[in-house]
Amino acid sequence: MPAAPGAQNLITDVAGIRVGSAHDERVRTGVTVIFPEEPAIAALAVAGGGPGTRESDALAADTLVESVDAIVLSGGSVYGLAAADGVAARLGARGRGFAMRKADGVPVSPVVPAAILYDLANGGDKSWGEAPPYRELGGAALKACEGSFALGAAGAGYGAMAGAERGGLGSASIVTADGMSVGALAAVNCFGSTRMPGTDAFWAWPFEQGGEFGGARPPEDFALDADDWGRAKLNPAEMSGRANTTIACVATDVALSVGEAQRVAKMALSGLSRAIRPVFAPFDGDAVFALSTGKVQGEGPRALLVARLGELAAGCLARSVARGVHEAGRQG
């Protein structure tokens, strides 16, 4: 039996993962939270030239804490990092977090890494003064965490633009014949285009499963002009600095070490290369988190296992990018 998408074709097909989103229609921005039901091994890989992250250093293999309590993806550029404050506050109130010393009156410290995308110039009302909405949006997104969630104009992808068309939140999953699950979620706000120049076909079309993003295919006589970026936000002759970014999370139920999760995250970055052109530009903040819930003990040589998971994650991430843009386009 070949590998196939999970029951919902979402990252929540990975056992132990829940996702919630919240948005502000007036501000035209939002937040998405990836919540492991139990602390999960995590890692981060960054490829864009303009990243914005929180607690990324804590994810290194040689640091004190190996697992995280949640991952936050947010719009709002630097203001969006405050979304993790709302998530940490709610989790701390539940008693969820790292405790160096358990004692009455000593709060735990929830580990909540985050990454942001730039949606400040998308036409929403950003006149928030000293009260940006992200802390509240983060708390609301955590409260909304379930096994199913909306794609397209939702959560961290609510105000996103994918090149010259609307971006959005996308997700996909795959389950192997030997019972491993891998999923991905992406908030797509890229500088580059997700479609092949002059066509409706997504760059990710070879990885599509069951028409999940419309089934468009390039014409047989398609020939690529190496300097034609199609529906990117700017063409090469007009380039100037812009802030963009695709932020994402991949997850598996296979038990991994921090170092192995780091390799999966790095391999998953190639999923963005398969789905967006150009990508990893100086003004993109592209970043991919990786989570391991440890529900399944993988078999076989570890290096081969990690290679399989990294490739599966890359494929899921490419599909997630196309799904996010496809679903946002359907919503108008």
C-alpha atoms as a PDB file:
ATOM      1  CA  MET A   1       0.000   0.000   0.000  1.00  0.00           C
ATOM      2  CA  PRO A   2       1.522   3.383  -0.973  1.00  0.00           C
ATOM      3  CA  ALA A   3       1.808   6.315   1.398  1.00  0.00           C
ATOM      4  CA  ALA A   4      -1.345   8.455   1.403  1.00  0.00           C
ATOM      5  CA  PRO A   5      -2.740  11.571   3.122  1.00  0.00           C
ATOM      6  CA  GLY A   6      -4.182  11.086   6.572  1.00  0.00           C
ATOM      7  CA  ALA A   7      -7.890  11.159   7.382  1.00  0.00           C
ATOM      8  CA  GLN A   8      -8.130  14.979   7.363  1.00  0.00           C
ATOM      9  CA  ASN A   9      -5.049  15.796   5.271  1.00  0.00           C
ATOM     10  CA  LEU A  10      -3.952  18.164   8.018  1.00  0.00           C
ATOM     11  CA  ILE A  11      -0.987  18.336  10.381  1.00  0.00           C
ATOM     12  CA  THR A  12      -3.395  17.205  13.113  1.00  0.00           C
ATOM     13  CA  ASP A  13      -3.379  13.728  11.543  1.00  0.00           C
ATOM     14  CA  VAL A  14      -0.123  13.391  13.505  1.00  0.00           C
ATOM     15  CA  ALA A  15      -1.127  11.885  16.843  1.00  0.00           C
ATOM     16  CA  GLY A  16      -0.875  14.376  19.681  1.00  0.00           C
ATOM     17  CA  ILE A  17      -0.989  17.583  17.596  1.00  0.00           C
ATOM     18  CA  ARG A  18      -3.757  20.176  17.806  1.00  0.00           C
ATOM     19  CA  VAL A  19      -4.050  23.498  15.970  1.00  0.00           C
ATOM     20  CA  GLY A  20      -6.022  26.661  16.643  1.00  0.00           C
ATOM     21  CA  SER A  21      -6.312  30.001  14.871  1.00  0.00           C
ATOM     22  CA  ALA A  22      -7.666  33.449  15.579  1.00  0.00           C
ATOM     23  CA  HIS A  23      -7.830  36.580  13.448  1.00  0.00           C
ATOM     24  CA  ASP A  24      -8.848  40.223  13.565  1.00  0.00           C
ATOM     25  CA  GLU A  25     -10.815  41.145  10.443  1.00  0.00           C
ATOM     26  CA  ARG A  26     -10.429  44.896  10.955  1.00  0.00           C
ATOM     27  CA  VAL A  27      -6.666  44.727  11.413  1.00  0.00           C
ATOM     28  CA  ARG A  28      -6.432  41.997   8.741  1.00  0.00           C
ATOM     29  CA  THR A  29      -4.047  39.791  10.643  1.00  0.00           C
ATOM     30  CA  GLY A  30      -4.052  36.632  12.696  1.00  0.00           C
ATOM     31  CA  VAL A  31      -2.287  33.962  14.724  1.00  0.00           C
ATOM     32  CA  THR A  32      -2.026  30.181  14.533  1.00  0.00           C
ATOM     33  CA  VAL A  33      -0.909  27.948  17.397  1.00  0.00           C
ATOM     34  CA  ILE A  34       0.415  24.404  17.001  1.00  0.00           C
ATOM     35  CA  PHE A  35      -0.179  22.688  20.335  1.00  0.00           C
ATOM     36  CA  PRO A  36       1.258  19.285  21.237  1.00  0.00           C
ATOM     37  CA  GLU A  37      -0.900  17.614  23.853  1.00  0.00           C
ATOM     38  CA  GLU A  38       2.308  16.704  25.685  1.00  0.00           C
ATOM     39  CA  PRO A  39       5.640  18.553  25.483  1.00  0.00           C
ATOM     40  CA  ALA A  40       7.259  17.665  22.162  1.00  0.00           C
ATOM     41  CA  ILE A  41      10.839  17.549  20.879  1.00  0.00           C
ATOM     42  CA  ALA A  42      11.370  20.565  18.621  1.00  0.00           C
ATOM     43  CA  ALA A  43      13.867  22.148  16.267  1.00  0.00           C
ATOM     44  CA  LEU A  44      14.024  25.105  13.884  1.00  0.00           C
ATOM     45  CA  ALA A  45      15.619  25.741  10.506  1.00  0.00           C
ATOM     46  CA  VAL A  46      15.845  29.277   9.080  1.00  0.00           C
ATOM     47  CA  ALA A  47      16.662  30.010   5.443  1.00  0.00           C
ATOM     48  CA  GLY A  48      15.274  33.489   4.770  1.00  0.00           C
ATOM     49  CA  GLY A  49      17.410  36.595   5.045  1.00  0.00           C
ATOM     50  CA  GLY A  50      15.028  38.537   7.296  1.00  0.00           C
ATOM     51  CA  PRO A  51      13.690  36.181   9.998  1.00  0.00           C
ATOM     52  CA  GLY A  52      11.762  37.157  13.094  1.00  0.00           C
ATOM     53  CA  THR A  53      11.663  34.541  15.855  1.00  0.00           C
ATOM     54  CA  ARG A  54      11.283  34.064  19.587  1.00  0.00           C
ATOM     55  CA  GLU A  55      13.119  31.481  21.721  1.00  0.00           C
ATOM     56  CA  SER A  56      14.851  30.053  18.668  1.00  0.00           C
ATOM     57  CA  ASP A  57      18.149  29.705  20.548  1.00  0.00           C
ATOM     58  CA  ALA A  58      16.434  27.479  23.101  1.00  0.00           C
ATOM     59  CA  LEU A  59      15.896  24.850  20.391  1.00  0.00           C
ATOM     60  CA  ALA A  60      19.581  24.090  19.863  1.00  0.00           C
ATOM     61  CA  ALA A  61      20.675  20.522  20.616  1.00  0.00           C
ATOM     62  CA  ASP A  62      23.060  21.607  23.390  1.00  0.00           C
ATOM     63  CA  THR A  63      20.622  23.708  25.413  1.00  0.00           C
ATOM     64  CA  LEU A  64      18.763  22.905  28.637  1.00  0.00           C
ATOM     65  CA  VAL A  65      15.211  22.373  27.367  1.00  0.00           C
ATOM     66  CA  GLU A  66      14.548  19.738  24.700  1.00  0.00           C
ATOM     67  CA  SER A  67      10.788  19.995  24.352  1.00  0.00           C
ATOM     68  CA  VAL A  68       8.298  22.772  23.729  1.00  0.00           C
ATOM     69  CA  ASP A  69       4.768  23.424  24.927  1.00  0.00           C
ATOM     70  CA  ALA A  70       3.500  25.183  21.804  1.00  0.00           C
ATOM     71  CA  ILE A  71       4.625  26.781  18.554  1.00  0.00           C
ATOM     72  CA  VAL A  72       3.206  30.139  17.479  1.00  0.00           C
ATOM     73  CA  LEU A  73       3.003  31.474  13.917  1.00  0.00           C
ATOM     74  CA  SER A  74       1.820  35.076  13.675  1.00  0.00           C
ATOM     75  CA  GLY A  75       1.265  37.991  11.391  1.00  0.00           C
ATOM     76  CA  GLY A  76       2.212  41.458  12.560  1.00  0.00           C
ATOM     77  CA  SER A  77       5.961  41.443  12.017  1.00  0.00           C
ATOM     78  CA  VAL A  78       7.782  42.291  15.267  1.00  0.00           C
ATOM     79  CA  TYR A  79       4.479  43.091  17.021  1.00  0.00           C
ATOM     80  CA  GLY A  80       3.305  39.543  16.340  1.00  0.00           C
ATOM     81  CA  LEU A  81       5.942  38.055  18.626  1.00  0.00           C
ATOM     82  CA  ALA A  82       3.684  39.137  21.492  1.00  0.00           C
ATOM     83  CA  ALA A  83       1.235  36.404  20.470  1.00  0.00           C
ATOM     84  CA  ALA A  84       3.505  33.950  22.255  1.00  0.00           C
ATOM     85  CA  ASP A  85       3.034  35.972  25.461  1.00  0.00           C
ATOM     86  CA  GLY A  86      -0.687  35.228  25.362  1.00  0.00           C
ATOM     87  CA  VAL A  87      -0.050  31.544  24.773  1.00  0.00           C
ATOM     88  CA  ALA A  88       2.577  31.331  27.519  1.00  0.00           C
ATOM     89  CA  ALA A  89       0.288  33.096  30.002  1.00  0.00           C
ATOM     90  CA  ARG A  90      -2.581  30.667  29.377  1.00  0.00           C
ATOM     91  CA  LEU A  91      -0.326  27.619  29.518  1.00  0.00           C
ATOM     92  CA  GLY A  92       1.369  28.842  32.693  1.00  0.00           C
ATOM     93  CA  ALA A  93      -2.012  29.311  34.344  1.00  0.00           C
ATOM     94  CA  ARG A  94      -2.725  25.655  33.534  1.00  0.00           C
ATOM     95  CA  GLY A  95       0.568  24.596  35.113  1.00  0.00           C
ATOM     96  CA  ARG A  96       2.033  23.568  31.769  1.00  0.00           C
ATOM     97  CA  GLY A  97       5.696  24.437  31.357  1.00  0.00           C
ATOM     98  CA  PHE A  98       9.283  23.782  32.368  1.00  0.00           C
ATOM     99  CA  ALA A  99      10.061  23.803  36.077  1.00  0.00           C
ATOM    100  CA  MET A 100      13.655  24.148  37.227  1.00  0.00           C
ATOM    101  CA  ARG A 101      12.407  23.716  40.785  1.00  0.00           C
ATOM    102  CA  LYS A 102       8.881  22.702  41.705  1.00  0.00           C
ATOM    103  CA  ALA A 103       7.690  24.725  44.658  1.00  0.00           C
ATOM    104  CA  ASP A 104       4.534  26.476  45.769  1.00  0.00           C
ATOM    105  CA  GLY A 105       4.401  30.022  44.493  1.00  0.00           C
ATOM    106  CA  VAL A 106       7.031  29.444  41.773  1.00  0.00           C
ATOM    107  CA  PRO A 107       5.425  29.598  38.309  1.00  0.00           C
ATOM    108  CA  VAL A 108       6.420  27.160  35.603  1.00  0.00           C
ATOM    109  CA  SER A 109       7.972  28.505  32.394  1.00  0.00           C
ATOM    110  CA  PRO A 110       6.094  27.470  29.239  1.00  0.00           C
ATOM    111  CA  VAL A 111       8.448  27.052  26.286  1.00  0.00           C
ATOM    112  CA  VAL A 112       6.712  28.744  23.349  1.00  0.00           C
ATOM    113  CA  PRO A 113       8.904  29.476  20.313  1.00  0.00           C
ATOM    114  CA  ALA A 114       7.384  31.698  17.647  1.00  0.00           C
ATOM    115  CA  ALA A 115       7.947  33.035  14.152  1.00  0.00           C
ATOM    116  CA  ILE A 116       6.368  36.012  12.410  1.00  0.00           C
ATOM    117  CA  LEU A 117       5.488  37.196   8.931  1.00  0.00           C
ATOM    118  CA  TYR A 118       5.075  40.727   7.605  1.00  0.00           C
ATOM    119  CA  ASP A 119       1.485  41.784   6.895  1.00  0.00           C
ATOM    120  CA  LEU A 120       1.668  45.388   8.116  1.00  0.00           C
ATOM    121  CA  ALA A 121       1.146  46.909   4.638  1.00  0.00           C
ATOM    122  CA  ASN A 122      -1.865  44.843   3.594  1.00  0.00           C
ATOM    123  CA  GLY A 123      -4.514  47.554   4.036  1.00  0.00           C
ATOM    124  CA  GLY A 124      -5.828  46.591   7.462  1.00  0.00           C
ATOM    125  CA  ASP A 125      -6.250  49.129  10.251  1.00  0.00           C
ATOM    126  CA  LYS A 126      -2.949  49.038  12.109  1.00  0.00           C
ATOM    127  CA  SER A 127      -3.595  52.175  14.214  1.00  0.00           C
ATOM    128  CA  TRP A 128      -3.329  50.221  17.448  1.00  0.00           C
ATOM    129  CA  GLY A 129      -1.095  52.692  19.291  1.00  0.00           C
ATOM    130  CA  GLU A 130       0.383  50.967  22.334  1.00  0.00           C
ATOM    131  CA  ALA A 131      -2.035  48.039  22.251  1.00  0.00           C
ATOM    132  CA  PRO A 132      -1.343  45.676  19.317  1.00  0.00           C
ATOM    133  CA  PRO A 133      -3.860  42.783  19.293  1.00  0.00           C
ATOM    134  CA  TYR A 134      -1.413  39.891  19.191  1.00  0.00           C
ATOM    135  CA  ARG A 135      -1.266  38.862  22.842  1.00  0.00           C
ATOM    136  CA  GLU A 136      -5.037  38.441  22.862  1.00  0.00           C
ATOM    137  CA  LEU A 137      -5.031  36.712  19.481  1.00  0.00           C
ATOM    138  CA  GLY A 138      -2.425  34.253  20.723  1.00  0.00           C
ATOM    139  CA  GLY A 139      -4.532  33.332  23.737  1.00  0.00           C
ATOM    140  CA  ALA A 140      -7.643  32.987  21.585  1.00  0.00           C
ATOM    141  CA  ALA A 141      -5.817  30.754  19.093  1.00  0.00           C
ATOM    142  CA  LEU A 142      -4.630  28.460  21.883  1.00  0.00           C
ATOM    143  CA  LYS A 143      -8.160  28.229  23.251  1.00  0.00           C
ATOM    144  CA  ALA A 144      -9.380  27.249  19.770  1.00  0.00           C
ATOM    145  CA  CYS A 145      -6.935  24.339  19.359  1.00  0.00           C
ATOM    146  CA  GLU A 146      -8.707  21.256  18.007  1.00  0.00           C
ATOM    147  CA  GLY A 147      -8.139  18.369  15.640  1.00  0.00           C
ATOM    148  CA  SER A 148      -9.589  20.252  12.670  1.00  0.00           C
ATOM    149  CA  PHE A 149      -9.055  23.824  11.533  1.00  0.00           C
ATOM    150  CA  ALA A 150      -9.728  26.183   8.639  1.00  0.00           C
ATOM    151  CA  LEU A 151      -7.354  26.748   5.718  1.00  0.00           C
ATOM    152  CA  GLY A 152      -6.921  29.734   3.411  1.00  0.00           C
ATOM    153  CA  ALA A 153      -7.721  33.135   4.908  1.00  0.00           C
ATOM    154  CA  ALA A 154      -7.306  32.001   8.490  1.00  0.00           C
ATOM    155  CA  GLY A 155      -4.988  32.452  11.434  1.00  0.00           C
ATOM    156  CA  ALA A 156      -1.456  33.563  10.637  1.00  0.00           C
ATOM    157  CA  GLY A 157      -2.349  33.490   6.943  1.00  0.00           C
ATOM    158  CA  TYR A 158      -5.384  35.766   7.261  1.00  0.00           C
ATOM    159  CA  GLY A 159      -3.666  38.873   5.910  1.00  0.00           C
ATOM    160  CA  ALA A 160      -1.005  37.140   3.827  1.00  0.00           C
ATOM    161  CA  MET A 161      -0.072  37.649   0.180  1.00  0.00           C
ATOM    162  CA  ALA A 162       1.608  34.954  -1.912  1.00  0.00           C
ATOM    163  CA  GLY A 163       3.420  36.930  -4.544  1.00  0.00           C
ATOM    164  CA  ALA A 164       0.755  38.975  -6.341  1.00  0.00           C
ATOM    165  CA  GLU A 165      -2.183  36.852  -5.146  1.00  0.00           C
ATOM    166  CA  ARG A 166      -3.761  36.162  -1.814  1.00  0.00           C
ATOM    167  CA  GLY A 167      -1.793  33.936   0.524  1.00  0.00           C
ATOM    168  CA  GLY A 168      -3.124  31.871   3.353  1.00  0.00           C
ATOM    169  CA  LEU A 169      -2.844  29.007   5.787  1.00  0.00           C
ATOM    170  CA  GLY A 170      -2.213  25.569   4.275  1.00  0.00           C
ATOM    171  CA  SER A 171      -1.724  22.093   5.654  1.00  0.00           C
ATOM    172  CA  ALA A 172      -1.203  18.520   4.463  1.00  0.00           C
ATOM    173  CA  SER A 173      -0.296  15.100   5.830  1.00  0.00           C
ATOM    174  CA  ILE A 174       1.029  11.710   4.752  1.00  0.00           C
ATOM    175  CA  VAL A 175       0.851   8.276   6.395  1.00  0.00           C
ATOM    176  CA  THR A 176       3.306   5.603   5.313  1.00  0.00           C
ATOM    177  CA  ALA A 177       2.563   1.929   4.743  1.00  0.00           C
ATOM    178  CA  ASP A 178       4.531   1.083   7.897  1.00  0.00           C
ATOM    179  CA  GLY A 179       2.485   3.448  10.051  1.00  0.00           C
ATOM    180  CA  MET A 180       4.506   6.658  10.347  1.00  0.00           C
ATOM    181  CA  SER A 181       2.626   9.962  10.148  1.00  0.00           C
ATOM    182  CA  VAL A 182       4.037  13.276   8.952  1.00  0.00           C
ATOM    183  CA  GLY A 183       2.219  16.582   8.574  1.00  0.00           C
ATOM    184  CA  ALA A 184       2.937  20.194   7.727  1.00  0.00           C
ATOM    185  CA  LEU A 185       1.346  23.590   8.196  1.00  0.00           C
ATOM    186  CA  ALA A 186       2.394  26.800   6.426  1.00  0.00           C
ATOM    187  CA  ALA A 187       1.407  30.464   6.621  1.00  0.00           C
ATOM    188  CA  VAL A 188       2.208  31.587   3.074  1.00  0.00           C
ATOM    189  CA  ASN A 189       3.200  35.236   2.682  1.00  0.00           C
ATOM    190  CA  CYS A 190       5.992  34.794   0.158  1.00  0.00           C
ATOM    191  CA  PHE A 191       7.743  37.312  -2.065  1.00  0.00           C
ATOM    192  CA  GLY A 192       7.935  34.739  -4.845  1.00  0.00           C
ATOM    193  CA  SER A 193       5.147  33.127  -6.842  1.00  0.00           C
ATOM    194  CA  THR A 194       3.613  29.756  -6.036  1.00  0.00           C
ATOM    195  CA  ARG A 195       2.501  29.299  -9.678  1.00  0.00           C
ATOM    196  CA  MET A 196       4.465  28.608 -12.838  1.00  0.00           C
ATOM    197  CA  PRO A 197       4.722  31.736 -15.041  1.00  0.00           C
ATOM    198  CA  GLY A 198       1.840  32.153 -17.458  1.00  0.00           C
ATOM    199  CA  THR A 199      -0.140  29.220 -16.052  1.00  0.00           C
ATOM    200  CA  ASP A 200      -2.510  28.341 -13.217  1.00  0.00           C
ATOM    201  CA  ALA A 201      -0.333  25.377 -12.269  1.00  0.00           C
ATOM    202  CA  PHE A 202       1.388  25.444  -8.897  1.00  0.00           C
ATOM    203  CA  TRP A 203       5.105  24.765  -8.765  1.00  0.00           C
ATOM    204  CA  ALA A 204       4.183  22.036  -6.270  1.00  0.00           C
ATOM    205  CA  TRP A 205       1.935  20.213  -8.765  1.00  0.00           C
ATOM    206  CA  PRO A 206       4.081  17.031  -8.997  1.00  0.00           C
ATOM    207  CA  PHE A 207       3.465  16.422  -5.281  1.00  0.00           C
ATOM    208  CA  GLU A 208      -0.322  16.957  -5.326  1.00  0.00           C
ATOM    209  CA  GLN A 209      -2.470  14.246  -3.753  1.00  0.00           C
ATOM    210  CA  GLY A 210      -6.012  13.716  -4.995  1.00  0.00           C
ATOM    211  CA  GLY A 211      -6.575  17.165  -6.500  1.00  0.00           C
ATOM    212  CA  GLU A 212      -6.073  18.821  -3.119  1.00  0.00           C
ATOM    213  CA  PHE A 213      -5.137  22.164  -4.703  1.00  0.00           C
ATOM    214  CA  GLY A 214      -7.170  22.148  -7.888  1.00  0.00           C
ATOM    215  CA  GLY A 215      -5.341  19.742 -10.172  1.00  0.00           C
ATOM    216  CA  ALA A 216      -3.996  22.380 -12.607  1.00  0.00           C
ATOM    217  CA  ARG A 217      -1.108  21.182 -14.751  1.00  0.00           C
ATOM    218  CA  PRO A 218       1.387  23.113 -16.908  1.00  0.00           C
ATOM    219  CA  PRO A 219       1.043  22.872 -20.694  1.00  0.00           C
ATOM    220  CA  GLU A 220       3.201  20.251 -22.385  1.00  0.00           C
ATOM    221  CA  ASP A 221       5.147  22.950 -24.224  1.00  0.00           C
ATOM    222  CA  PHE A 222       5.930  24.962 -21.066  1.00  0.00           C
ATOM    223  CA  ALA A 223       9.415  26.456 -21.225  1.00  0.00           C
ATOM    224  CA  LEU A 224      10.831  28.409 -18.323  1.00  0.00           C
ATOM    225  CA  ASP A 225      12.452  31.784 -18.774  1.00  0.00           C
ATOM    226  CA  ALA A 226      15.019  31.707 -15.975  1.00  0.00           C
ATOM    227  CA  ASP A 227      14.449  35.396 -15.240  1.00  0.00           C
ATOM    228  CA  ASP A 228      10.633  35.282 -15.333  1.00  0.00           C
ATOM    229  CA  TRP A 229       9.181  35.134 -11.822  1.00  0.00           C
ATOM    230  CA  GLY A 230       5.559  35.097 -12.873  1.00  0.00           C
ATOM    231  CA  ARG A 231       3.248  36.296 -10.108  1.00  0.00           C
ATOM    232  CA  ALA A 232       5.979  37.345  -7.692  1.00  0.00           C
ATOM    233  CA  LYS A 233       5.457  40.659  -5.905  1.00  0.00           C
ATOM    234  CA  LEU A 234       8.095  42.351  -8.071  1.00  0.00           C
ATOM    235  CA  ASN A 235       9.959  41.374 -11.204  1.00  0.00           C
ATOM    236  CA  PRO A 236      13.783  41.407 -11.320  1.00  0.00           C
ATOM    237  CA  ALA A 237      13.958  44.771 -13.046  1.00  0.00           C
ATOM    238  CA  GLU A 238      11.994  46.469 -10.260  1.00  0.00           C
ATOM    239  CA  MET A 239      13.335  44.727  -7.189  1.00  0.00           C
ATOM    240  CA  SER A 240      13.598  46.549  -3.916  1.00  0.00           C
ATOM    241  CA  GLY A 241      13.535  45.458  -0.306  1.00  0.00           C
ATOM    242  CA  ARG A 242      10.203  44.092   0.881  1.00  0.00           C
ATOM    243  CA  ALA A 243       9.338  42.088   3.965  1.00  0.00           C
ATOM    244  CA  ASN A 244       7.484  38.862   3.238  1.00  0.00           C
ATOM    245  CA  THR A 245       8.045  35.366   4.691  1.00  0.00           C
ATOM    246  CA  THR A 246       6.617  31.865   4.731  1.00  0.00           C
ATOM    247  CA  ILE A 247       6.614  30.387   8.226  1.00  0.00           C
ATOM    248  CA  ALA A 248       5.811  26.753   8.805  1.00  0.00           C
ATOM    249  CA  CYS A 249       5.826  23.739  11.083  1.00  0.00           C
ATOM    250  CA  VAL A 250       6.267  20.074  10.221  1.00  0.00           C
ATOM    251  CA  ALA A 251       5.463  17.306  12.669  1.00  0.00           C
ATOM    252  CA  THR A 252       5.797  13.548  13.013  1.00  0.00           C
ATOM    253  CA  ASP A 253       4.651  10.972  15.517  1.00  0.00           C
ATOM    254  CA  VAL A 254       8.024   9.207  15.252  1.00  0.00           C
ATOM    255  CA  ALA A 255      10.306   9.630  18.266  1.00  0.00           C
ATOM    256  CA  LEU A 256      13.312  11.800  17.376  1.00  0.00           C
ATOM    257  CA  SER A 257      16.209  13.363  19.209  1.00  0.00           C
ATOM    258  CA  VAL A 258      16.672  17.126  19.006  1.00  0.00           C
ATOM    259  CA  GLY A 259      19.495  16.651  16.527  1.00  0.00           C
ATOM    260  CA  GLU A 260      17.354  14.387  14.343  1.00  0.00           C
ATOM    261  CA  ALA A 261      14.482  16.858  14.460  1.00  0.00           C
ATOM    262  CA  GLN A 262      16.925  19.566  13.378  1.00  0.00           C
ATOM    263  CA  ARG A 263      17.861  17.528  10.308  1.00  0.00           C
ATOM    264  CA  VAL A 264      14.178  16.966   9.473  1.00  0.00           C
ATOM    265  CA  ALA A 265      13.550  20.716   9.735  1.00  0.00           C
ATOM    266  CA  LYS A 266      16.473  21.450   7.413  1.00  0.00           C
ATOM    267  CA  MET A 267      15.310  18.880   4.887  1.00  0.00           C
ATOM    268  CA  ALA A 268      11.763  20.226   5.089  1.00  0.00           C
ATOM    269  CA  LEU A 269      12.995  23.614   3.891  1.00  0.00           C
ATOM    270  CA  SER A 270      13.336  22.053   0.448  1.00  0.00           C
ATOM    271  CA  GLY A 271       9.544  21.861   0.382  1.00  0.00           C
ATOM    272  CA  LEU A 272       9.484  25.642   0.162  1.00  0.00           C
ATOM    273  CA  SER A 273      11.938  25.472  -2.743  1.00  0.00           C
ATOM    274  CA  ARG A 274       9.555  23.113  -4.550  1.00  0.00           C
ATOM    275  CA  ALA A 275       6.563  25.382  -4.056  1.00  0.00           C
ATOM    276  CA  ILE A 276       7.805  29.005  -4.285  1.00  0.00           C
ATOM    277  CA  ARG A 277      10.034  30.835  -6.769  1.00  0.00           C
ATOM    278  CA  PRO A 278      12.122  32.730  -5.823  1.00  0.00           C
ATOM    279  CA  VAL A 279      12.455  31.717  -2.180  1.00  0.00           C
ATOM    280  CA  PHE A 280      14.828  32.387   0.742  1.00  0.00           C
ATOM    281  CA  ALA A 281      15.398  35.932  -0.548  1.00  0.00           C
ATOM    282  CA  PRO A 282      17.205  38.562   1.538  1.00  0.00           C
ATOM    283  CA  PHE A 283      13.844  40.084   2.478  1.00  0.00           C
ATOM    284  CA  ASP A 284      12.063  36.778   3.241  1.00  0.00           C
ATOM    285  CA  GLY A 285      12.062  35.437   6.786  1.00  0.00           C
ATOM    286  CA  ASP A 286      11.397  31.820   5.823  1.00  0.00           C
ATOM    287  CA  ALA A 287      11.577  29.462   8.805  1.00  0.00           C
ATOM    288  CA  VAL A 288      10.407  25.903   9.514  1.00  0.00           C
ATOM    289  CA  PHE A 289       9.857  24.326  12.927  1.00  0.00           C
ATOM    290  CA  ALA A 290       9.886  20.548  13.372  1.00  0.00           C
ATOM    291  CA  LEU A 291       8.020  18.671  16.116  1.00  0.00           C
ATOM    292  CA  SER A 292       8.202  15.049  17.271  1.00  0.00           C
ATOM    293  CA  THR A 293       5.411  13.762  19.502  1.00  0.00           C
ATOM    294  CA  GLY A 294       7.217  10.440  20.072  1.00  0.00           C
ATOM    295  CA  LYS A 295       4.112   8.246  19.766  1.00  0.00           C
ATOM    296  CA  VAL A 296       5.826   5.799  17.390  1.00  0.00           C
ATOM    297  CA  GLN A 297       9.230   4.156  17.615  1.00  0.00           C
ATOM    298  CA  GLY A 298      10.709   4.170  14.131  1.00  0.00           C
ATOM    299  CA  GLU A 299      12.508   1.070  12.912  1.00  0.00           C
ATOM    300  CA  GLY A 300      15.651   0.546  10.889  1.00  0.00           C
ATOM    301  CA  PRO A 301      18.907   2.512  10.625  1.00  0.00           C
ATOM    302  CA  ARG A 302      18.464   5.953  12.202  1.00  0.00           C
ATOM    303  CA  ALA A 303      20.057   7.885   9.351  1.00  0.00           C
ATOM    304  CA  LEU A 304      17.742   6.252   6.817  1.00  0.00           C
ATOM    305  CA  LEU A 305      14.721   6.848   9.041  1.00  0.00           C
ATOM    306  CA  VAL A 306      15.539  10.541   9.403  1.00  0.00           C
ATOM    307  CA  ALA A 307      16.083  10.815   5.648  1.00  0.00           C
ATOM    308  CA  ARG A 308      12.641   9.309   5.016  1.00  0.00           C
ATOM    309  CA  LEU A 309      10.971  11.646   7.479  1.00  0.00           C
ATOM    310  CA  GLY A 310      12.758  14.699   6.094  1.00  0.00           C
ATOM    311  CA  GLU A 311      11.674  13.913   2.543  1.00  0.00           C
ATOM    312  CA  LEU A 312       8.094  13.205   3.616  1.00  0.00           C
ATOM    313  CA  ALA A 313       8.060  16.503   5.515  1.00  0.00           C
ATOM    314  CA  ALA A 314       9.370  18.386   2.471  1.00  0.00           C
ATOM    315  CA  GLY A 315       6.634  16.930   0.281  1.00  0.00           C
ATOM    316  CA  CYS A 316       3.947  17.776   2.838  1.00  0.00           C
ATOM    317  CA  LEU A 317       5.255  21.306   3.149  1.00  0.00           C
ATOM    318  CA  ALA A 318       5.222  21.881  -0.623  1.00  0.00           C
ATOM    319  CA  ARG A 319       1.633  20.663  -0.727  1.00  0.00           C
ATOM    320  CA  SER A 320       0.710  22.856   2.258  1.00  0.00           C
ATOM    321  CA  VAL A 321       1.972  25.979   0.504  1.00  0.00           C
ATOM    322  CA  ALA A 322      -0.117  25.278  -2.600  1.00  0.00           C
ATOM    323  CA  ARG A 323      -3.180  24.337  -0.522  1.00  0.00           C
ATOM    324  CA  GLY A 324      -2.992  27.575   1.454  1.00  0.00           C
ATOM    325  CA  VAL A 325      -2.942  29.722  -1.691  1.00  0.00           C
ATOM    326  CA  HIS A 326      -5.571  27.579  -3.431  1.00  0.00           C
ATOM    327  CA  GLU A 327      -7.989  27.735  -0.497  1.00  0.00           C
ATOM    328  CA  ALA A 328      -7.480  31.487  -0.053  1.00  0.00           C
ATOM    329  CA  GLY A 329      -8.222  32.017  -3.758  1.00  0.00           C
ATOM    330  CA  ARG A 330     -11.445  30.025  -3.505  1.00  0.00           C
ATOM    331  CA  GLN A 331     -12.574  32.269  -0.669  1.00  0.00           C
ATOM    332  CA  GLY A 332     -12.169  35.387  -2.842  1.00  0.00           C
END
